[in-house]
Amino acid sequence: MVGSTVCFGTMAILIRIVSKSMHPFEIAFFRSFFGALAAAPLLWRDGWRTLRTDRLGFYTLRCAIGTVSMLAGFWAIAHLPLAQAIALSYSSPLFVTVGAVLFLGEIVRARRWSAVVAGFVGVLVIVRPGTDGFTAASLVALLAAACSGAVTISIKFLARSDPPDTIVLLTTWLWVPLSLPAALMVWQSPPLSMLPLLVAIGALGTAGQYTWTHALKRADASTLAPLSYLQLVFVAFLAWFAFDEKPDRWTAIGAAIVIGASLYIARREAKLARLQRSTSAIATEPAV
């Protein structure tokens, strides 16, 4: 999951750079197109059998929601201060936690609920409600976060029956036709100088999707989602380095709250997982 946040964080920086020359909807299409090409090597091991699934309709619905999340998220990155756009995306774990309980039957304990709420409070400290941050653009970022939460839940659901390679391939390939209509509405020939960055955006997006899907295969969605908060530090550093965007005091305070909540959740769940494995091992020991 940490590797996924690094990929997505770097991709956000590149999106901001390319958005100076291209519409974010068009960037989203090229992210999907080059991302699909980057995912093609996954066919090498098992061939076209990798694409077999009994849930193609569910994949299509999941990818339609993911496309809305991607379009809204790219638009927010292009039109909001980068730190604010990323901070608003951190409301996604709240949707993930609720969805994991309602649709996946995951058990979320009081301590994890408290940590998620604390993380959301940290996000509120960063965006400071009542200021100019709550504009129509902010609502677009929140839409992206809500859709992203739904996508996380759907991937966890699919991971119960389909291998990660199938999920990544079908997702990235379905995104290409689903993102094309929005891109055609604003289409302009992309500058050749932007082509390497567009390729990198696609590759990073697929790498982030691949590591994210593998993480969700191995642990509860509501446990992993808050770790995406670590992206804030990474993006804030790159934004400072590339754009001279220096986080203010409130952003630093909010980030500290968010990261503290994330680290607590990871530590707490790791401890509970070790205890559960220990209990299971004792229960399965033969009587003597």
C-alpha atoms as a PDB file:
ATOM      1  CA  MET A   1       0.000   0.000   0.000  1.00  0.00           C
ATOM      2  CA  VAL A   2       2.881   2.365   0.735  1.00  0.00           C
ATOM      3  CA  GLY A   3       4.340   1.606  -2.706  1.00  0.00           C
ATOM      4  CA  SER A   4       0.964   2.427  -4.204  1.00  0.00           C
ATOM      5  CA  THR A   5       0.872   5.831  -2.502  1.00  0.00           C
ATOM      6  CA  VAL A   6       4.336   6.647  -3.891  1.00  0.00           C
ATOM      7  CA  CYS A   7       3.191   5.802  -7.431  1.00  0.00           C
ATOM      8  CA  PHE A   8      -0.039   7.791  -7.133  1.00  0.00           C
ATOM      9  CA  GLY A   9       1.738  10.700  -5.455  1.00  0.00           C
ATOM     10  CA  THR A  10       4.303  10.993  -8.265  1.00  0.00           C
ATOM     11  CA  MET A  11       1.503  10.699 -10.802  1.00  0.00           C
ATOM     12  CA  ALA A  12      -0.310  13.637  -9.160  1.00  0.00           C
ATOM     13  CA  ILE A  13       2.763  15.831  -9.595  1.00  0.00           C
ATOM     14  CA  LEU A  14       3.041  14.901 -13.263  1.00  0.00           C
ATOM     15  CA  ILE A  15      -0.681  15.563 -13.808  1.00  0.00           C
ATOM     16  CA  ARG A  16      -0.241  19.068 -12.414  1.00  0.00           C
ATOM     17  CA  ILE A  17       2.669  19.673 -14.809  1.00  0.00           C
ATOM     18  CA  VAL A  18       0.849  18.359 -17.883  1.00  0.00           C
ATOM     19  CA  SER A  19      -2.385  20.209 -16.985  1.00  0.00           C
ATOM     20  CA  LYS A  20      -0.633  23.448 -17.917  1.00  0.00           C
ATOM     21  CA  SER A  21      -0.855  22.319 -21.546  1.00  0.00           C
ATOM     22  CA  MET A  22      -3.777  19.853 -21.665  1.00  0.00           C
ATOM     23  CA  HIS A  23      -7.287  19.454 -20.258  1.00  0.00           C
ATOM     24  CA  PRO A  24      -7.433  17.016 -17.315  1.00  0.00           C
ATOM     25  CA  PHE A  25     -10.072  14.880 -19.068  1.00  0.00           C
ATOM     26  CA  GLU A  26      -7.678  14.335 -21.948  1.00  0.00           C
ATOM     27  CA  ILE A  27      -4.889  13.532 -19.498  1.00  0.00           C
ATOM     28  CA  ALA A  28      -7.183  10.942 -17.897  1.00  0.00           C
ATOM     29  CA  PHE A  29      -7.695   9.237 -21.252  1.00  0.00           C
ATOM     30  CA  PHE A  30      -3.967   9.036 -21.965  1.00  0.00           C
ATOM     31  CA  ARG A  31      -3.412   7.771 -18.427  1.00  0.00           C
ATOM     32  CA  SER A  32      -5.871   4.980 -19.223  1.00  0.00           C
ATOM     33  CA  PHE A  33      -4.399   4.285 -22.676  1.00  0.00           C
ATOM     34  CA  PHE A  34      -0.743   4.096 -21.658  1.00  0.00           C
ATOM     35  CA  GLY A  35      -1.729   2.406 -18.418  1.00  0.00           C
ATOM     36  CA  ALA A  36      -3.428  -0.345 -20.409  1.00  0.00           C
ATOM     37  CA  LEU A  37      -0.255  -0.839 -22.439  1.00  0.00           C
ATOM     38  CA  ALA A  38       1.799  -0.983 -19.240  1.00  0.00           C
ATOM     39  CA  ALA A  39      -0.495  -3.713 -17.894  1.00  0.00           C
ATOM     40  CA  ALA A  40      -0.197  -5.895 -21.024  1.00  0.00           C
ATOM     41  CA  PRO A  41       2.886  -7.841 -19.747  1.00  0.00           C
ATOM     42  CA  LEU A  42       0.628  -9.385 -17.103  1.00  0.00           C
ATOM     43  CA  LEU A  43      -0.617 -11.651 -19.914  1.00  0.00           C
ATOM     44  CA  TRP A  44       2.849 -13.167 -20.241  1.00  0.00           C
ATOM     45  CA  ARG A  45       2.438 -15.795 -17.525  1.00  0.00           C
ATOM     46  CA  ASP A  46      -1.077 -17.171 -18.083  1.00  0.00           C
ATOM     47  CA  GLY A  47      -1.999 -15.700 -21.472  1.00  0.00           C
ATOM     48  CA  TRP A  48      -5.571 -14.746 -22.303  1.00  0.00           C
ATOM     49  CA  ARG A  49      -6.841 -16.963 -19.494  1.00  0.00           C
ATOM     50  CA  THR A  50      -5.976 -14.060 -17.195  1.00  0.00           C
ATOM     51  CA  LEU A  51      -8.996 -12.198 -18.562  1.00  0.00           C
ATOM     52  CA  ARG A  52     -11.502 -14.915 -17.657  1.00  0.00           C
ATOM     53  CA  THR A  53     -14.121 -13.844 -15.139  1.00  0.00           C
ATOM     54  CA  ASP A  54     -17.750 -14.486 -14.324  1.00  0.00           C
ATOM     55  CA  ARG A  55     -18.283 -10.880 -13.227  1.00  0.00           C
ATOM     56  CA  LEU A  56     -17.756  -8.809 -16.353  1.00  0.00           C
ATOM     57  CA  GLY A  57     -20.878  -6.755 -15.638  1.00  0.00           C
ATOM     58  CA  PHE A  58     -19.606  -5.936 -12.153  1.00  0.00           C
ATOM     59  CA  TYR A  59     -16.230  -4.968 -13.628  1.00  0.00           C
ATOM     60  CA  THR A  60     -17.953  -2.597 -16.031  1.00  0.00           C
ATOM     61  CA  LEU A  61     -19.909  -0.920 -13.232  1.00  0.00           C
ATOM     62  CA  ARG A  62     -16.796  -0.730 -11.054  1.00  0.00           C
ATOM     63  CA  CYS A  63     -14.788   0.804 -13.906  1.00  0.00           C
ATOM     64  CA  ALA A  64     -17.543   3.327 -14.674  1.00  0.00           C
ATOM     65  CA  ILE A  65     -17.382   4.516 -11.057  1.00  0.00           C
ATOM     66  CA  GLY A  66     -13.596   4.491 -11.247  1.00  0.00           C
ATOM     67  CA  THR A  67     -13.704   6.604 -14.404  1.00  0.00           C
ATOM     68  CA  VAL A  68     -15.829   9.237 -12.647  1.00  0.00           C
ATOM     69  CA  SER A  69     -13.357   9.205  -9.753  1.00  0.00           C
ATOM     70  CA  MET A  70     -10.417   9.595 -12.117  1.00  0.00           C
ATOM     71  CA  LEU A  71     -11.967  12.441 -14.126  1.00  0.00           C
ATOM     72  CA  ALA A  72     -13.008  14.308 -10.978  1.00  0.00           C
ATOM     73  CA  GLY A  73      -9.679  13.689  -9.281  1.00  0.00           C
ATOM     74  CA  PHE A  74      -7.619  14.850 -12.266  1.00  0.00           C
ATOM     75  CA  TRP A  75      -9.806  17.964 -12.564  1.00  0.00           C
ATOM     76  CA  ALA A  76      -9.297  18.738  -8.874  1.00  0.00           C
ATOM     77  CA  ILE A  77      -5.512  18.331  -9.140  1.00  0.00           C
ATOM     78  CA  ALA A  78      -5.480  20.755 -12.074  1.00  0.00           C
ATOM     79  CA  HIS A  79      -7.719  23.415 -10.473  1.00  0.00           C
ATOM     80  CA  LEU A  80      -7.065  23.257  -6.713  1.00  0.00           C
ATOM     81  CA  PRO A  81      -3.882  23.822  -4.725  1.00  0.00           C
ATOM     82  CA  LEU A  82      -2.171  20.454  -4.835  1.00  0.00           C
ATOM     83  CA  ALA A  83      -2.057  19.943  -1.069  1.00  0.00           C
ATOM     84  CA  GLN A  84      -5.765  20.756  -0.807  1.00  0.00           C
ATOM     85  CA  ALA A  85      -6.716  18.407  -3.642  1.00  0.00           C
ATOM     86  CA  ILE A  86      -4.809  15.522  -2.045  1.00  0.00           C
ATOM     87  CA  ALA A  87      -6.108  16.366   1.437  1.00  0.00           C
ATOM     88  CA  LEU A  88      -9.723  16.247   0.250  1.00  0.00           C
ATOM     89  CA  SER A  89      -9.091  12.843  -1.292  1.00  0.00           C
ATOM     90  CA  TYR A  90      -8.338  11.588   2.234  1.00  0.00           C
ATOM     91  CA  SER A  91     -12.023  11.574   3.077  1.00  0.00           C
ATOM     92  CA  SER A  92     -12.132   8.368   1.008  1.00  0.00           C
ATOM     93  CA  PRO A  93     -11.216   6.043   3.927  1.00  0.00           C
ATOM     94  CA  LEU A  94     -14.371   7.164   5.732  1.00  0.00           C
ATOM     95  CA  PHE A  95     -16.439   5.865   2.817  1.00  0.00           C
ATOM     96  CA  VAL A  96     -14.260   2.743   2.676  1.00  0.00           C
ATOM     97  CA  THR A  97     -14.762   1.945   6.351  1.00  0.00           C
ATOM     98  CA  VAL A  98     -18.530   2.285   6.145  1.00  0.00           C
ATOM     99  CA  GLY A  99     -18.649   0.316   2.896  1.00  0.00           C
ATOM    100  CA  ALA A 100     -16.396  -2.434   4.258  1.00  0.00           C
ATOM    101  CA  VAL A 101     -18.817  -2.949   7.140  1.00  0.00           C
ATOM    102  CA  LEU A 102     -21.987  -2.801   5.026  1.00  0.00           C
ATOM    103  CA  PHE A 103     -20.890  -4.771   1.951  1.00  0.00           C
ATOM    104  CA  LEU A 104     -17.889  -6.896   2.959  1.00  0.00           C
ATOM    105  CA  GLY A 105     -18.920  -7.848   6.462  1.00  0.00           C
ATOM    106  CA  GLU A 106     -15.596  -6.693   7.890  1.00  0.00           C
ATOM    107  CA  ILE A 107     -15.379  -6.164  11.644  1.00  0.00           C
ATOM    108  CA  VAL A 108     -14.270  -2.632  12.460  1.00  0.00           C
ATOM    109  CA  ARG A 109     -13.465  -2.124  16.120  1.00  0.00           C
ATOM    110  CA  ALA A 110     -14.029   1.025  18.139  1.00  0.00           C
ATOM    111  CA  ARG A 111     -10.342   1.931  18.153  1.00  0.00           C
ATOM    112  CA  ARG A 112     -10.126   1.804  14.372  1.00  0.00           C
ATOM    113  CA  TRP A 113     -13.294   3.885  14.062  1.00  0.00           C
ATOM    114  CA  SER A 114     -11.755   6.429  16.410  1.00  0.00           C
ATOM    115  CA  ALA A 115      -8.537   6.554  14.404  1.00  0.00           C
ATOM    116  CA  VAL A 116     -10.422   7.020  11.122  1.00  0.00           C
ATOM    117  CA  VAL A 117     -12.447   9.850  12.662  1.00  0.00           C
ATOM    118  CA  ALA A 118      -9.237  11.399  13.959  1.00  0.00           C
ATOM    119  CA  GLY A 119      -7.764  11.186  10.471  1.00  0.00           C
ATOM    120  CA  PHE A 120     -10.794  12.939   9.044  1.00  0.00           C
ATOM    121  CA  VAL A 121     -10.449  15.654  11.684  1.00  0.00           C
ATOM    122  CA  GLY A 122      -6.891  16.081  10.473  1.00  0.00           C
ATOM    123  CA  VAL A 123      -8.178  16.571   6.936  1.00  0.00           C
ATOM    124  CA  LEU A 124     -10.598  19.234   8.203  1.00  0.00           C
ATOM    125  CA  VAL A 125      -7.704  21.011   9.892  1.00  0.00           C
ATOM    126  CA  ILE A 126      -5.862  21.042   6.565  1.00  0.00           C
ATOM    127  CA  VAL A 127      -8.737  22.401   4.457  1.00  0.00           C
ATOM    128  CA  ARG A 128     -10.156  24.684   7.216  1.00  0.00           C
ATOM    129  CA  PRO A 129     -13.949  24.694   6.656  1.00  0.00           C
ATOM    130  CA  GLY A 130     -15.513  28.095   6.139  1.00  0.00           C
ATOM    131  CA  THR A 131     -12.637  29.407   4.072  1.00  0.00           C
ATOM    132  CA  ASP A 132     -12.353  29.789   0.316  1.00  0.00           C
ATOM    133  CA  GLY A 133     -11.310  26.135   0.124  1.00  0.00           C
ATOM    134  CA  PHE A 134     -14.950  25.017   0.097  1.00  0.00           C
ATOM    135  CA  THR A 135     -15.773  25.914  -3.481  1.00  0.00           C
ATOM    136  CA  ALA A 136     -17.333  23.982  -6.342  1.00  0.00           C
ATOM    137  CA  ALA A 137     -13.853  22.645  -7.069  1.00  0.00           C
ATOM    138  CA  SER A 138     -13.686  21.263  -3.527  1.00  0.00           C
ATOM    139  CA  LEU A 139     -16.950  19.405  -4.090  1.00  0.00           C
ATOM    140  CA  VAL A 140     -15.482  17.825  -7.225  1.00  0.00           C
ATOM    141  CA  ALA A 141     -12.559  16.570  -5.144  1.00  0.00           C
ATOM    142  CA  LEU A 142     -14.987  15.099  -2.605  1.00  0.00           C
ATOM    143  CA  LEU A 143     -16.879  13.364  -5.420  1.00  0.00           C
ATOM    144  CA  ALA A 144     -13.613  11.782  -6.502  1.00  0.00           C
ATOM    145  CA  ALA A 145     -13.005  10.624  -2.924  1.00  0.00           C
ATOM    146  CA  ALA A 146     -16.453   9.060  -2.579  1.00  0.00           C
ATOM    147  CA  CYS A 147     -16.112   7.198  -5.890  1.00  0.00           C
ATOM    148  CA  SER A 148     -12.606   6.108  -4.911  1.00  0.00           C
ATOM    149  CA  GLY A 149     -14.010   4.614  -1.741  1.00  0.00           C
ATOM    150  CA  ALA A 150     -16.554   2.642  -3.761  1.00  0.00           C
ATOM    151  CA  VAL A 151     -13.773   1.416  -6.050  1.00  0.00           C
ATOM    152  CA  THR A 152     -11.735   0.215  -3.067  1.00  0.00           C
ATOM    153  CA  ILE A 153     -14.684  -1.786  -1.789  1.00  0.00           C
ATOM    154  CA  SER A 154     -15.332  -3.280  -5.240  1.00  0.00           C
ATOM    155  CA  ILE A 155     -11.718  -4.381  -5.617  1.00  0.00           C
ATOM    156  CA  LYS A 156     -11.822  -6.097  -2.246  1.00  0.00           C
ATOM    157  CA  PHE A 157     -15.043  -7.830  -3.322  1.00  0.00           C
ATOM    158  CA  LEU A 158     -13.520  -8.962  -6.623  1.00  0.00           C
ATOM    159  CA  ALA A 159     -10.339 -10.113  -4.888  1.00  0.00           C
ATOM    160  CA  ARG A 160     -12.371 -12.835  -3.181  1.00  0.00           C
ATOM    161  CA  SER A 161     -12.770 -14.680  -6.476  1.00  0.00           C
ATOM    162  CA  ASP A 162     -10.405 -13.191  -9.083  1.00  0.00           C
ATOM    163  CA  PRO A 163      -6.592 -12.983  -8.965  1.00  0.00           C
ATOM    164  CA  PRO A 164      -4.976  -9.518  -8.805  1.00  0.00           C
ATOM    165  CA  ASP A 165      -3.653  -9.745 -12.386  1.00  0.00           C
ATOM    166  CA  THR A 166      -7.183 -10.253 -13.727  1.00  0.00           C
ATOM    167  CA  ILE A 167      -8.492  -7.300 -11.749  1.00  0.00           C
ATOM    168  CA  VAL A 168      -5.706  -4.992 -12.921  1.00  0.00           C
ATOM    169  CA  LEU A 169      -5.922  -6.016 -16.593  1.00  0.00           C
ATOM    170  CA  LEU A 170      -9.698  -5.804 -16.934  1.00  0.00           C
ATOM    171  CA  THR A 171      -9.817  -2.543 -14.988  1.00  0.00           C
ATOM    172  CA  THR A 172      -7.108  -0.759 -16.976  1.00  0.00           C
ATOM    173  CA  TRP A 173      -8.429  -1.960 -20.329  1.00  0.00           C
ATOM    174  CA  LEU A 174     -12.047  -1.033 -19.608  1.00  0.00           C
ATOM    175  CA  TRP A 175     -10.959   2.450 -18.537  1.00  0.00           C
ATOM    176  CA  VAL A 176      -9.781   3.239 -22.070  1.00  0.00           C
ATOM    177  CA  PRO A 177     -13.221   3.233 -23.799  1.00  0.00           C
ATOM    178  CA  LEU A 178     -14.964   4.584 -20.692  1.00  0.00           C
ATOM    179  CA  SER A 179     -12.677   7.634 -20.444  1.00  0.00           C
ATOM    180  CA  LEU A 180     -12.689   8.408 -24.184  1.00  0.00           C
ATOM    181  CA  PRO A 181     -16.075  10.232 -24.437  1.00  0.00           C
ATOM    182  CA  ALA A 182     -15.099  12.865 -21.854  1.00  0.00           C
ATOM    183  CA  ALA A 183     -11.736  13.364 -23.569  1.00  0.00           C
ATOM    184  CA  LEU A 184     -13.349  13.816 -26.992  1.00  0.00           C
ATOM    185  CA  MET A 185     -15.445  16.700 -25.665  1.00  0.00           C
ATOM    186  CA  VAL A 186     -12.290  18.735 -24.966  1.00  0.00           C
ATOM    187  CA  TRP A 187      -9.875  17.108 -27.427  1.00  0.00           C
ATOM    188  CA  GLN A 188      -6.815  18.945 -28.668  1.00  0.00           C
ATOM    189  CA  SER A 189      -3.706  17.359 -30.141  1.00  0.00           C
ATOM    190  CA  PRO A 190      -1.287  16.897 -27.227  1.00  0.00           C
ATOM    191  CA  PRO A 191       2.117  18.611 -27.509  1.00  0.00           C
ATOM    192  CA  LEU A 192       4.880  16.146 -28.380  1.00  0.00           C
ATOM    193  CA  SER A 193       6.878  17.436 -25.418  1.00  0.00           C
ATOM    194  CA  MET A 194       4.177  16.088 -23.096  1.00  0.00           C
ATOM    195  CA  LEU A 195       4.249  12.554 -24.531  1.00  0.00           C
ATOM    196  CA  PRO A 196       6.961  11.178 -22.182  1.00  0.00           C
ATOM    197  CA  LEU A 197       5.083  12.565 -19.170  1.00  0.00           C
ATOM    198  CA  LEU A 198       1.812  11.046 -20.391  1.00  0.00           C
ATOM    199  CA  VAL A 199       3.531   7.675 -20.746  1.00  0.00           C
ATOM    200  CA  ALA A 200       4.934   8.033 -17.231  1.00  0.00           C
ATOM    201  CA  ILE A 201       1.489   8.944 -15.858  1.00  0.00           C
ATOM    202  CA  GLY A 202       0.022   5.803 -17.418  1.00  0.00           C
ATOM    203  CA  ALA A 203       2.826   3.564 -16.145  1.00  0.00           C
ATOM    204  CA  LEU A 204       2.691   5.014 -12.620  1.00  0.00           C
ATOM    205  CA  GLY A 205      -1.086   4.688 -12.557  1.00  0.00           C
ATOM    206  CA  THR A 206      -0.897   1.004 -13.491  1.00  0.00           C
ATOM    207  CA  ALA A 207       1.919   0.349 -11.013  1.00  0.00           C
ATOM    208  CA  GLY A 208      -0.111   2.048  -8.289  1.00  0.00           C
ATOM    209  CA  GLN A 209      -3.191   0.042  -9.233  1.00  0.00           C
ATOM    210  CA  TYR A 210      -1.202  -3.198  -9.254  1.00  0.00           C
ATOM    211  CA  THR A 211       0.358  -2.692  -5.810  1.00  0.00           C
ATOM    212  CA  TRP A 212      -2.945  -1.399  -4.408  1.00  0.00           C
ATOM    213  CA  THR A 213      -4.850  -4.448  -5.660  1.00  0.00           C
ATOM    214  CA  HIS A 214      -2.257  -6.843  -4.228  1.00  0.00           C
ATOM    215  CA  ALA A 215      -2.457  -5.037  -0.880  1.00  0.00           C
ATOM    216  CA  LEU A 216      -6.261  -5.357  -0.799  1.00  0.00           C
ATOM    217  CA  LYS A 217      -5.888  -9.056  -1.563  1.00  0.00           C
ATOM    218  CA  ARG A 218      -3.915  -9.506   1.642  1.00  0.00           C
ATOM    219  CA  ALA A 219      -5.641  -7.324   4.250  1.00  0.00           C
ATOM    220  CA  ASP A 220      -8.912  -5.612   5.186  1.00  0.00           C
ATOM    221  CA  ALA A 221      -9.824  -2.623   3.033  1.00  0.00           C
ATOM    222  CA  SER A 222     -10.647  -0.507   6.072  1.00  0.00           C
ATOM    223  CA  THR A 223      -7.218  -1.330   7.539  1.00  0.00           C
ATOM    224  CA  LEU A 224      -5.215  -0.430   4.445  1.00  0.00           C
ATOM    225  CA  ALA A 225      -7.085   2.649   3.261  1.00  0.00           C
ATOM    226  CA  PRO A 226      -5.821   5.016   5.986  1.00  0.00           C
ATOM    227  CA  LEU A 227      -2.235   4.244   4.936  1.00  0.00           C
ATOM    228  CA  SER A 228      -2.905   6.332   1.842  1.00  0.00           C
ATOM    229  CA  TYR A 229      -2.566   9.314   4.203  1.00  0.00           C
ATOM    230  CA  LEU A 230       1.185   8.839   3.939  1.00  0.00           C
ATOM    231  CA  GLN A 231       0.876  10.197   0.415  1.00  0.00           C
ATOM    232  CA  LEU A 232       0.426  13.656   1.926  1.00  0.00           C
ATOM    233  CA  VAL A 233       4.028  13.883   3.115  1.00  0.00           C
ATOM    234  CA  PHE A 234       5.346  12.573  -0.186  1.00  0.00           C
ATOM    235  CA  VAL A 235       3.244  14.915  -2.325  1.00  0.00           C
ATOM    236  CA  ALA A 236       3.925  17.897  -0.060  1.00  0.00           C
ATOM    237  CA  PHE A 237       7.667  17.367  -0.457  1.00  0.00           C
ATOM    238  CA  LEU A 238       7.446  17.015  -4.245  1.00  0.00           C
ATOM    239  CA  ALA A 239       5.124  20.042  -4.508  1.00  0.00           C
ATOM    240  CA  TRP A 240       7.616  22.103  -2.512  1.00  0.00           C
ATOM    241  CA  PHE A 241      10.501  20.862  -4.656  1.00  0.00           C
ATOM    242  CA  ALA A 242       8.776  21.225  -8.040  1.00  0.00           C
ATOM    243  CA  PHE A 243       6.396  24.175  -7.555  1.00  0.00           C
ATOM    244  CA  ASP A 244       7.712  25.915  -4.434  1.00  0.00           C
ATOM    245  CA  GLU A 245       4.373  25.187  -2.713  1.00  0.00           C
ATOM    246  CA  LYS A 246       5.159  25.321   0.989  1.00  0.00           C
ATOM    247  CA  PRO A 247       2.593  23.765   3.350  1.00  0.00           C
ATOM    248  CA  ASP A 248       1.322  26.240   5.928  1.00  0.00           C
ATOM    249  CA  ARG A 249       1.129  25.661   9.673  1.00  0.00           C
ATOM    250  CA  TRP A 250      -2.399  24.247   9.561  1.00  0.00           C
ATOM    251  CA  THR A 251      -1.469  21.800   6.826  1.00  0.00           C
ATOM    252  CA  ALA A 252       1.468  20.598   8.935  1.00  0.00           C
ATOM    253  CA  ILE A 253      -0.749  20.179  12.031  1.00  0.00           C
ATOM    254  CA  GLY A 254      -3.428  18.351  10.066  1.00  0.00           C
ATOM    255  CA  ALA A 255      -0.843  16.120   8.421  1.00  0.00           C
ATOM    256  CA  ALA A 256       0.572  15.177  11.828  1.00  0.00           C
ATOM    257  CA  ILE A 257      -2.912  14.149  13.022  1.00  0.00           C
ATOM    258  CA  VAL A 258      -3.597  12.173   9.859  1.00  0.00           C
ATOM    259  CA  ILE A 259      -0.259  10.354   9.857  1.00  0.00           C
ATOM    260  CA  GLY A 260      -0.527   9.600  13.579  1.00  0.00           C
ATOM    261  CA  ALA A 261      -3.964   8.051  13.067  1.00  0.00           C
ATOM    262  CA  SER A 262      -2.717   6.003  10.107  1.00  0.00           C
ATOM    263  CA  LEU A 263       0.302   4.662  11.960  1.00  0.00           C
ATOM    264  CA  TYR A 264      -1.859   3.770  14.969  1.00  0.00           C
ATOM    265  CA  ILE A 265      -4.292   1.817  12.787  1.00  0.00           C
ATOM    266  CA  ALA A 266      -1.468  -0.083  11.087  1.00  0.00           C
ATOM    267  CA  ARG A 267       0.168  -0.909  14.450  1.00  0.00           C
ATOM    268  CA  ARG A 268      -3.122  -1.878  16.097  1.00  0.00           C
ATOM    269  CA  GLU A 269      -4.282  -4.142  13.280  1.00  0.00           C
ATOM    270  CA  ALA A 270      -0.862  -5.807  12.983  1.00  0.00           C
ATOM    271  CA  LYS A 271      -0.993  -6.613  16.688  1.00  0.00           C
ATOM    272  CA  LEU A 272      -4.524  -8.033  16.412  1.00  0.00           C
ATOM    273  CA  ALA A 273      -3.547 -10.076  13.343  1.00  0.00           C
ATOM    274  CA  ARG A 274      -0.604 -11.623  15.222  1.00  0.00           C
ATOM    275  CA  LEU A 275      -2.885 -12.424  18.154  1.00  0.00           C
ATOM    276  CA  GLN A 276      -5.451 -14.036  15.850  1.00  0.00           C
ATOM    277  CA  ARG A 277      -2.811 -16.177  14.128  1.00  0.00           C
ATOM    278  CA  SER A 278      -1.458 -17.242  17.504  1.00  0.00           C
ATOM    279  CA  THR A 279      -4.942 -18.180  18.727  1.00  0.00           C
ATOM    280  CA  SER A 280      -5.663 -20.153  15.536  1.00  0.00           C
ATOM    281  CA  ALA A 281      -2.383 -22.017  15.816  1.00  0.00           C
ATOM    282  CA  ILE A 282      -3.165 -23.028  19.408  1.00  0.00           C
ATOM    283  CA  ALA A 283      -6.672 -24.136  18.438  1.00  0.00           C
ATOM    284  CA  THR A 284      -5.392 -26.417  15.676  1.00  0.00           C
ATOM    285  CA  GLU A 285      -2.678 -28.091  17.756  1.00  0.00           C
ATOM    286  CA  PRO A 286      -3.398 -31.822  18.291  1.00  0.00           C
ATOM    287  CA  ALA A 287      -4.300 -32.912  21.788  1.00  0.00           C
ATOM    288  CA  VAL A 288      -1.656 -34.960  23.642  1.00  0.00           C
END
